[in-house]
Protein backbone atom coordinates (compact mmCIF):
# COMPACT_ATOMS: atom_id res chain seq x y z
CA MET A 1 -12.61 7.59 26.84
CA ALA A 2 -14.35 9.88 29.14
CA LEU A 3 -12.01 11.20 31.71
CA PRO A 4 -13.79 13.36 34.58
CA LEU A 5 -11.00 15.88 34.88
CA TYR A 6 -11.80 19.79 34.43
CA LEU A 7 -9.61 22.75 34.17
CA VAL A 8 -10.89 26.42 35.28
CA GLY A 9 -8.58 29.24 35.10
CA LEU A 10 -7.03 32.63 33.16
CA SER A 11 -3.50 33.33 32.69
CA HIS A 12 -1.11 36.04 31.10
CA LYS A 13 -2.61 34.97 27.83
CA THR A 14 -6.12 35.75 28.71
CA ALA A 15 -6.19 38.73 31.62
CA PRO A 16 -4.58 41.51 32.34
CA VAL A 17 -2.46 41.83 35.34
CA GLU A 18 -5.27 43.91 37.69
CA VAL A 19 -7.66 40.80 37.01
CA ARG A 20 -5.09 38.36 37.82
CA GLU A 21 -4.57 40.04 41.05
CA ARG A 22 -8.33 39.82 41.89
CA ALA A 23 -7.60 36.16 40.91
CA ALA A 24 -4.69 34.77 42.91
CA LEU A 25 -5.50 33.03 46.08
CA ASP A 26 -3.49 33.38 49.00
CA PRO A 27 -2.37 29.85 50.71
CA VAL A 28 -3.72 30.82 54.04
CA VAL A 29 -7.33 32.02 54.05
CA ALA A 30 -8.60 31.82 50.33
CA LEU A 31 -7.24 28.44 49.12
CA PRO A 32 -8.55 26.38 52.15
CA VAL A 33 -11.99 27.74 51.51
CA LEU A 34 -12.03 27.13 47.88
CA LEU A 35 -10.47 23.28 48.32
CA ARG A 36 -13.50 23.07 51.04
CA THR A 37 -15.77 24.29 48.53
CA LEU A 38 -14.77 21.90 45.72
CA GLY A 39 -14.07 18.74 48.45
CA HIS A 40 -11.37 17.32 45.82
CA GLY A 41 -9.26 19.75 43.68
CA VAL A 42 -5.47 21.25 43.14
CA VAL A 43 -4.89 24.93 42.65
CA VAL A 44 -1.96 26.30 40.55
CA SER A 45 -2.04 30.32 41.89
CA THR A 46 1.19 32.04 40.45
CA CYS A 47 1.65 35.80 39.49
CA ASN A 48 0.47 34.74 35.75
CA ARG A 49 -2.03 32.18 36.25
CA THR A 50 -4.47 30.88 38.80
CA GLU A 51 -5.72 27.58 37.60
CA ILE A 52 -8.20 24.94 39.20
CA TYR A 53 -8.27 21.57 38.42
CA GLY A 54 -10.94 19.12 39.67
CA VAL A 55 -12.72 15.87 38.77
CA GLY A 56 -16.68 15.76 38.03
CA ASN A 57 -18.89 19.35 37.84
CA PRO A 58 -16.37 22.54 37.00
CA GLU A 59 -19.73 24.60 37.99
CA ALA A 60 -18.50 25.46 41.79
CA ALA A 61 -14.85 26.25 40.42
CA TRP A 62 -15.85 28.56 38.18
CA ALA A 63 -18.49 30.31 40.43
CA PHE A 64 -15.94 30.74 42.84
CA LEU A 65 -13.33 32.93 40.00
CA ARG A 66 -16.51 35.08 39.05
CA GLY A 67 -17.10 35.72 42.76
CA ARG A 68 -13.55 36.95 43.15
CA GLY A 69 -14.60 39.99 39.85
CA VAL A 70 -13.33 37.66 37.26
CA GLU A 71 -15.41 38.22 34.28
CA ALA A 72 -16.43 35.19 32.03
CA SER A 73 -14.20 36.63 29.13
CA HIS A 74 -10.85 36.05 31.20
CA LEU A 75 -11.52 32.78 32.26
CA TYR A 76 -11.44 29.35 30.15
CA LEU A 77 -12.76 25.77 30.49
CA ARG A 78 -10.81 23.04 30.03
CA GLN A 79 -12.12 18.98 30.64
CA GLY A 80 -11.11 15.91 29.97
CA VAL A 81 -7.87 15.22 28.04
CA GLU A 82 -7.30 18.66 27.17
CA ALA A 83 -7.53 19.73 30.99
CA LEU A 84 -4.84 16.90 31.36
CA ARG A 85 -2.78 18.48 28.27
CA HIS A 86 -3.25 21.77 29.73
CA LEU A 87 -1.33 20.91 32.86
CA TYR A 88 1.14 18.76 31.02
CA ARG A 89 2.57 21.87 28.94
CA VAL A 90 1.91 24.05 32.12
CA ALA A 91 4.76 22.05 33.98
CA ALA A 92 6.94 21.43 30.87
CA GLY A 93 7.20 25.24 30.88
CA LEU A 94 5.12 25.33 27.48
CA ASP A 95 2.51 27.84 28.69
CA SER A 96 4.69 29.91 30.65
CA LEU A 97 5.33 33.86 29.77
CA VAL A 98 8.71 32.82 29.29
CA VAL A 99 8.93 29.30 27.41
CA GLY A 100 10.99 26.93 29.81
CA GLU A 101 11.45 28.79 32.80
CA ALA A 102 12.24 26.73 35.70
CA GLN A 103 9.90 28.02 38.40
CA ILE A 104 6.56 26.81 37.46
CA LEU A 105 7.60 23.24 38.22
CA GLY A 106 7.75 23.73 41.89
CA GLN A 107 4.90 25.95 42.04
CA VAL A 108 3.25 23.11 40.23
CA ARG A 109 4.78 20.58 43.00
CA GLU A 110 3.76 23.12 45.45
CA ALA A 111 -0.07 23.46 44.51
CA LEU A 112 -0.48 19.41 44.89
CA PHE A 113 1.67 19.43 48.27
CA LEU A 114 -1.31 22.16 49.01
CA ALA A 115 -3.96 19.85 48.22
CA ARG A 116 -2.25 16.85 50.28
CA LYS A 117 -2.27 18.92 53.04
CA HIS A 118 -5.72 19.81 52.63
CA ARG A 119 -7.02 16.24 51.85
CA ALA A 120 -8.59 17.76 48.79
CA THR A 121 -6.55 15.34 46.19
CA GLU A 122 -7.98 11.96 44.95
CA GLY A 123 -6.65 9.36 42.48
CA LEU A 124 -6.74 11.06 39.21
CA LEU A 125 -5.55 14.09 40.49
CA GLU A 126 -2.82 12.93 42.09
CA LYS A 127 -1.72 10.65 39.21
CA ALA A 128 -2.66 13.90 37.26
CA PHE A 129 0.05 15.99 39.09
CA GLN A 130 2.58 13.15 40.00
CA SER A 131 2.82 12.67 36.01
CA ALA A 132 2.89 16.49 35.10
CA ILE A 133 5.88 16.71 37.66
CA ALA A 134 7.72 13.70 36.01
CA LEU A 135 7.23 15.31 32.77
CA GLY A 136 8.31 18.56 33.64
CA LYS A 137 11.88 16.63 34.86
CA ARG A 138 11.96 14.94 31.69
CA ALA A 139 11.48 17.94 29.67
CA ARG A 140 14.23 20.32 31.06
CA SER A 141 16.74 17.11 30.94
CA GLU A 142 16.22 15.47 27.82
CA THR A 143 15.64 18.91 25.76
CA ALA A 144 17.02 22.59 25.88
CA ILE A 145 13.53 23.84 26.45
CA GLY A 146 14.97 25.42 30.19
CA ALA A 147 18.45 25.87 28.79
CA GLY A 148 20.19 29.26 30.53
CA ALA A 149 18.43 31.11 33.45
CA VAL A 150 15.74 32.37 31.81
CA SER A 151 12.55 33.58 34.26
CA VAL A 152 10.34 36.29 35.03
CA ALA A 153 13.18 37.74 37.01
CA TYR A 154 15.71 37.20 34.08
CA ALA A 155 13.09 38.92 31.80
CA ALA A 156 13.30 41.94 34.10
CA LEU A 157 17.02 41.98 34.24
CA ASP A 158 16.85 41.83 30.03
CA LEU A 159 14.28 44.86 30.41
CA ALA A 160 16.71 46.73 32.35
CA LEU A 161 19.19 45.93 29.94
CA ALA A 162 17.29 47.46 26.98
CA VAL A 163 16.73 50.44 29.04
CA TYR A 164 20.53 51.26 30.21
CA GLY A 165 22.09 49.05 27.81
CA ASP A 166 24.83 48.70 30.49
CA LEU A 167 24.56 48.01 34.02
CA THR A 168 28.09 49.19 35.07
CA GLY A 169 28.06 51.66 38.24
CA LEU A 170 24.57 51.62 38.60
CA LYS A 171 22.52 51.41 41.85
CA VAL A 172 20.20 49.12 41.94
CA ALA A 173 17.28 48.62 44.90
CA VAL A 174 15.09 45.61 45.46
CA LEU A 175 12.17 45.41 46.86
CA GLY A 176 11.36 42.15 48.67
CA ALA A 177 13.75 39.65 50.03
CA GLY A 178 12.30 36.39 48.22
CA GLU A 179 13.02 33.90 45.33
CA MET A 180 12.24 36.11 42.91
CA ALA A 181 14.46 38.92 44.42
CA GLU A 182 17.07 36.02 44.87
CA LEU A 183 16.67 35.05 41.01
CA PHE A 184 17.17 38.89 40.30
CA LEU A 185 19.72 39.59 42.29
CA THR A 186 21.88 36.14 40.96
CA HIS A 187 21.26 37.19 37.34
CA LEU A 188 22.53 40.68 38.29
CA LYS A 189 25.61 39.73 39.48
CA ALA A 190 27.61 39.44 35.98
CA HIS A 191 26.53 43.03 34.86
CA GLY A 192 28.60 44.90 37.02
CA VAL A 193 26.15 47.17 39.00
CA GLY A 194 27.74 49.75 41.01
CA GLN A 195 25.60 49.05 44.40
CA VAL A 196 22.46 46.74 45.14
CA LEU A 197 20.14 47.69 48.07
CA VAL A 198 17.62 45.27 49.67
CA VAL A 199 14.54 46.41 50.90
CA ASN A 200 12.57 44.38 52.93
CA ARG A 201 9.88 44.49 55.97
CA THR A 202 12.42 42.16 57.99
CA GLU A 203 15.57 44.00 58.05
CA ALA A 204 17.33 40.60 59.12
CA ARG A 205 16.27 39.10 55.78
CA ALA A 206 17.55 41.61 53.64
CA ARG A 207 20.63 41.97 55.44
CA GLU A 208 21.25 37.90 54.87
CA LEU A 209 20.47 38.59 51.10
CA ALA A 210 22.04 41.73 50.83
CA GLU A 211 25.42 40.33 52.16
CA ARG A 212 25.29 37.42 49.54
CA PHE A 213 25.77 39.91 46.79
CA GLY A 214 27.49 42.46 48.43
CA GLY A 215 24.95 44.92 48.90
CA ARG A 216 23.26 47.28 51.77
CA ALA A 217 20.10 46.34 53.48
CA TYR A 218 16.78 48.46 54.69
CA GLY A 219 13.70 48.04 56.56
CA LEU A 220 10.34 49.39 54.79
CA LYS A 221 10.73 52.74 56.97
CA ALA A 222 14.21 53.75 55.04
CA LEU A 223 12.11 52.82 51.36
CA ALA A 224 12.20 56.94 51.02
CA GLU A 225 15.97 57.24 51.20
CA VAL A 226 16.47 54.22 49.09
CA LEU A 227 14.54 55.89 46.30
CA ARG A 228 16.21 58.82 46.18
CA GLN A 229 19.64 56.96 45.96
CA ALA A 230 18.25 54.23 43.17
CA ASP A 231 18.36 54.41 39.73
CA LEU A 232 16.64 51.27 39.05
CA VAL A 233 13.97 49.44 41.18
CA VAL A 234 12.87 46.10 40.84
CA ALA A 235 9.92 45.16 43.42
CA SER A 236 9.04 41.82 44.26
CA ALA A 237 7.81 42.01 47.55
CA ALA A 238 4.94 39.53 48.85
CA ALA A 239 2.73 42.97 50.12
CA PRO A 240 -1.00 43.14 50.13
CA HIS A 241 -0.88 46.57 49.06
CA TYR A 242 1.47 49.45 47.33
CA LEU A 243 4.70 50.18 48.52
CA VAL A 244 5.36 52.72 46.37
CA ARG A 245 2.87 55.46 45.57
CA PRO A 246 3.26 58.94 44.00
CA GLU A 247 3.74 60.78 47.09
CA ASP A 248 6.78 58.61 48.07
CA LEU A 249 8.82 59.27 44.99
CA PRO A 250 11.01 62.17 46.15
CA ARG A 251 11.84 64.66 43.72
CA ARG A 252 15.03 63.99 41.18
CA ALA A 253 16.49 65.17 38.11
CA LYS A 254 17.75 62.38 36.55
CA PRO A 255 15.23 59.21 35.59
CA LEU A 256 14.19 56.29 37.87
CA PHE A 257 13.02 53.35 36.18
CA LEU A 258 11.02 50.76 37.78
CA ILE A 259 10.20 47.38 37.53
CA ASP A 260 7.18 45.79 39.09
CA ILE A 261 7.11 42.17 39.01
CA ALA A 262 5.13 41.30 42.14
CA LEU A 263 1.66 40.37 42.31
CA PRO A 264 -0.40 42.04 43.99
CA ARG A 265 1.53 44.50 42.62
CA ASN A 266 3.98 46.43 45.03
CA ILE A 267 3.87 49.84 42.62
CA HIS A 268 1.05 51.88 42.41
CA PRO A 269 0.26 52.34 38.50
CA ALA A 270 0.27 56.01 39.06
CA VAL A 271 3.78 56.64 39.56
CA GLY A 272 4.36 56.08 35.70
CA ARG A 273 2.86 58.96 35.05
CA LEU A 274 5.55 61.24 36.80
CA PRO A 275 8.23 63.12 35.55
CA HIS A 276 11.36 61.28 35.02
CA ALA A 277 9.79 58.00 36.39
CA TYR A 278 9.09 55.15 34.04
CA LEU A 279 7.46 51.98 35.22
CA TYR A 280 7.19 48.65 34.18
CA ASN A 281 5.00 45.82 35.11
CA LEU A 282 4.37 41.90 34.71
CA ASP A 283 2.29 42.53 31.21
CA ASP A 284 5.39 44.97 30.06
CA LEU A 285 7.69 42.37 30.39
CA GLU A 286 6.07 40.20 27.29
CA ARG A 287 7.91 42.14 24.95
CA VAL A 288 11.15 41.27 26.18
CA VAL A 289 10.54 37.36 26.32
CA GLU A 290 9.81 37.59 22.71
CA LYS A 291 13.66 36.69 21.69
CA ASN A 292 13.33 33.82 24.23
CA LEU A 293 10.58 32.33 22.11
CA ARG A 294 12.58 32.74 19.47
CA ALA A 295 15.71 30.93 20.57
CA ARG A 296 13.69 27.89 22.23
CA GLN A 297 11.16 27.94 19.13
CA GLY A 298 12.98 24.72 18.04
CA GLU A 299 12.76 23.07 21.13
CA ILE A 300 9.45 23.50 21.51
CA PRO A 301 8.16 20.24 19.17
CA LYS A 302 10.15 18.05 21.22
CA VAL A 303 8.39 19.10 24.73
CA GLU A 304 4.86 18.51 22.64
CA ALA A 305 6.02 15.32 21.62
CA LEU A 306 6.53 14.18 25.37
CA VAL A 307 3.34 15.47 26.41
CA GLU A 308 1.63 13.35 23.99
CA GLY A 309 3.29 10.42 25.02
CA ALA A 310 2.68 11.34 28.60
CA LEU A 311 -0.81 11.90 28.02
CA ALA A 312 -0.87 8.32 26.61
CA ASP A 313 0.85 6.88 29.65
CA TYR A 314 -2.18 8.26 31.72
CA LEU A 315 -4.77 7.15 29.64
CA GLU A 316 -3.42 3.49 29.73
CA TRP A 317 -3.26 4.24 33.09
CA TYR A 318 -6.76 5.27 33.56
CA ALA A 319 -8.17 2.42 31.60
CA GLY A 320 -6.67 0.02 33.79
CA HIS A 321 -7.78 2.20 37.06
CA ARG A 322 -11.62 2.01 35.25
CA VAL A 323 -11.31 -1.69 34.69
CA ARG A 324 -10.28 -2.61 38.47
CA GLU A 325 -12.63 -0.29 39.32
CA ALA A 326 -15.79 -1.85 37.07
CA ILE A 327 -13.85 -5.65 38.42
CA ARG A 328 -14.22 -4.71 41.84
CA ALA A 329 -18.09 -3.39 41.51
CA LEU A 330 -18.70 -6.52 39.81
CA GLU A 331 -17.26 -8.53 42.08
CA ALA A 332 -19.81 -6.77 45.05
CA TRP A 333 -22.67 -7.25 42.47
CA ALA A 334 -21.80 -11.31 42.40
CA LEU A 335 -21.55 -11.18 46.31
CA LYS A 336 -24.93 -9.67 46.68
CA GLU A 337 -26.65 -11.89 44.08
CA ALA A 338 -25.22 -15.20 45.71
CA VAL A 339 -26.10 -14.16 49.29
CA ARG A 340 -29.41 -13.35 47.94
CA ASP A 341 -29.88 -16.68 46.11
CA LEU A 342 -28.12 -18.87 48.88
CA PRO A 343 -29.65 -17.29 51.91
CA GLN A 344 -28.74 -20.43 54.20
CA ALA A 345 -25.27 -20.72 52.98
CA ASP A 346 -21.77 -19.73 54.99
CA PRO A 347 -19.60 -16.47 53.85
CA ALA A 348 -16.82 -19.25 52.29
CA THR A 349 -19.70 -20.44 50.25
CA TRP A 350 -20.84 -17.20 48.81
CA GLN A 351 -17.11 -15.76 48.32
CA LYS A 352 -17.06 -19.27 46.47
CA GLU A 353 -20.10 -19.08 44.29
CA ALA A 354 -19.38 -14.96 43.96
CA GLY A 355 -16.04 -15.81 42.52
CA ARG A 356 -17.75 -18.66 40.05
CA ARG A 357 -20.44 -15.87 38.89
CA ALA A 358 -18.18 -13.33 38.72
CA HIS A 359 -15.03 -15.01 36.21
CA PRO A 360 -16.42 -14.97 33.34
CA TRP A 361 -17.70 -11.61 33.12
CA ILE A 362 -14.33 -10.23 34.54
CA LEU A 363 -12.99 -11.96 31.63
CA ALA A 364 -15.52 -10.22 29.07
CA VAL A 365 -14.23 -6.62 30.87
CA LYS A 366 -11.09 -7.17 30.22
CA ALA A 367 -11.24 -8.13 26.75
CA ARG A 368 -13.57 -5.22 25.97
CA ALA A 369 -12.08 -3.07 28.16
CA LYS A 370 -11.97 -0.17 25.17
CA ASP A 371 -16.04 -0.57 24.85
CA PHE A 372 -16.78 -0.47 27.91
CA LEU A 373 -14.90 2.50 28.79
CA GLN A 374 -16.32 4.74 26.29
CA GLY A 375 -19.99 3.55 26.96
CA PRO A 376 -21.87 5.13 29.92
CA PRO A 377 -21.49 4.47 33.64
CA CYS A 378 -24.16 1.79 35.02
CA PRO A 379 -26.97 2.81 37.22
CA GLU A 380 -26.20 1.82 40.89
CA GLY A 381 -27.04 -2.08 41.78
CA CYS A 382 -25.90 -2.89 38.37
CA PRO A 383 -22.36 -1.98 37.55
CA LEU A 384 -21.86 -3.59 34.46
CA LEU A 385 -25.14 -4.04 32.46
CA ALA A 386 -23.75 -4.27 29.43
CA PHE A 387 -21.93 -7.70 30.68
CA ARG A 388 -24.39 -8.51 33.32
CA PRO A 389 -26.21 -12.32 32.70
CA SER A 390 -30.17 -12.81 32.05
CA ARG A 391 -31.79 -13.96 34.95
CA PRO A 392 -34.16 -16.99 34.02
């Protein structure tokens, strides 16, 4: 069955962080431009992936990402059932950096919401994303693929524990006060850190988050002071440029560990080359998550089975969808034929005659739905060439 869905994208599996930065689409400017270009499409854009889903020809989506400086070697193209299967695996958390992480399901839901906002969805995409979201929920409720607090933020905590062994008494600075910062602080709370320092462009938001976790709040102007105090810095601010550059880091005798989980990155890569500074980014987290992969390996086959079941359900729906389209086309053809052959008749007679002519062929379409759907589309004006009666 020719399912006309496509996917063009890149992820942490095919592109390093500096390439993913170029492909990341902000929802205010770049995303609307892309959706207007495509006409119909849904875009899943996260720190670890940018994926464009559409219907028909993928050339415009491919050209768009290439135009943002992404090499062809970093991109992947999937079409038909394989595009749908990939979407389902993404929503279920099977394609994430941390397998089973919960954030991606919300990001898939947000992608559909934004596409609807810009009137960029259509029937096949709507159904694909709705069923992907439903599958993601099932994967987390019916299996243990999402058990435990596993996310990129949790992986950052694992890295901090791997570096220090024990976080008791340490001063931990968090740049940003968004969802990722909140997740990290939630995981951090149980590890007895000495003090939490929250830095944010909006100091009121920093204060709100810091108060929830017993920490202190700062604006960006106080960043140098915070860097002087901190033992560990976790950066997750939504900023279009580097917040920490080599010249911003004060001289210090004790080491400073920095974990940059933002995209675009908050910390300039050259910071990692300074004495006593140790910088990790999103790509470094891959080593941290290996143990999570091992722990969840037994759940993956269960989720894969759910994915295949959801695929079968979608294809069954699609078969019915195509048959309904074919029947509507056949009814329109039969009415046109009736009007042509009975020009003096009234509309009621035309409808009755069209129904009489279409009826046997509608039965044939239903009976031969599988064969019909696998065949090529009929040309305009002859929607069901294989079933159309021969004229005397």
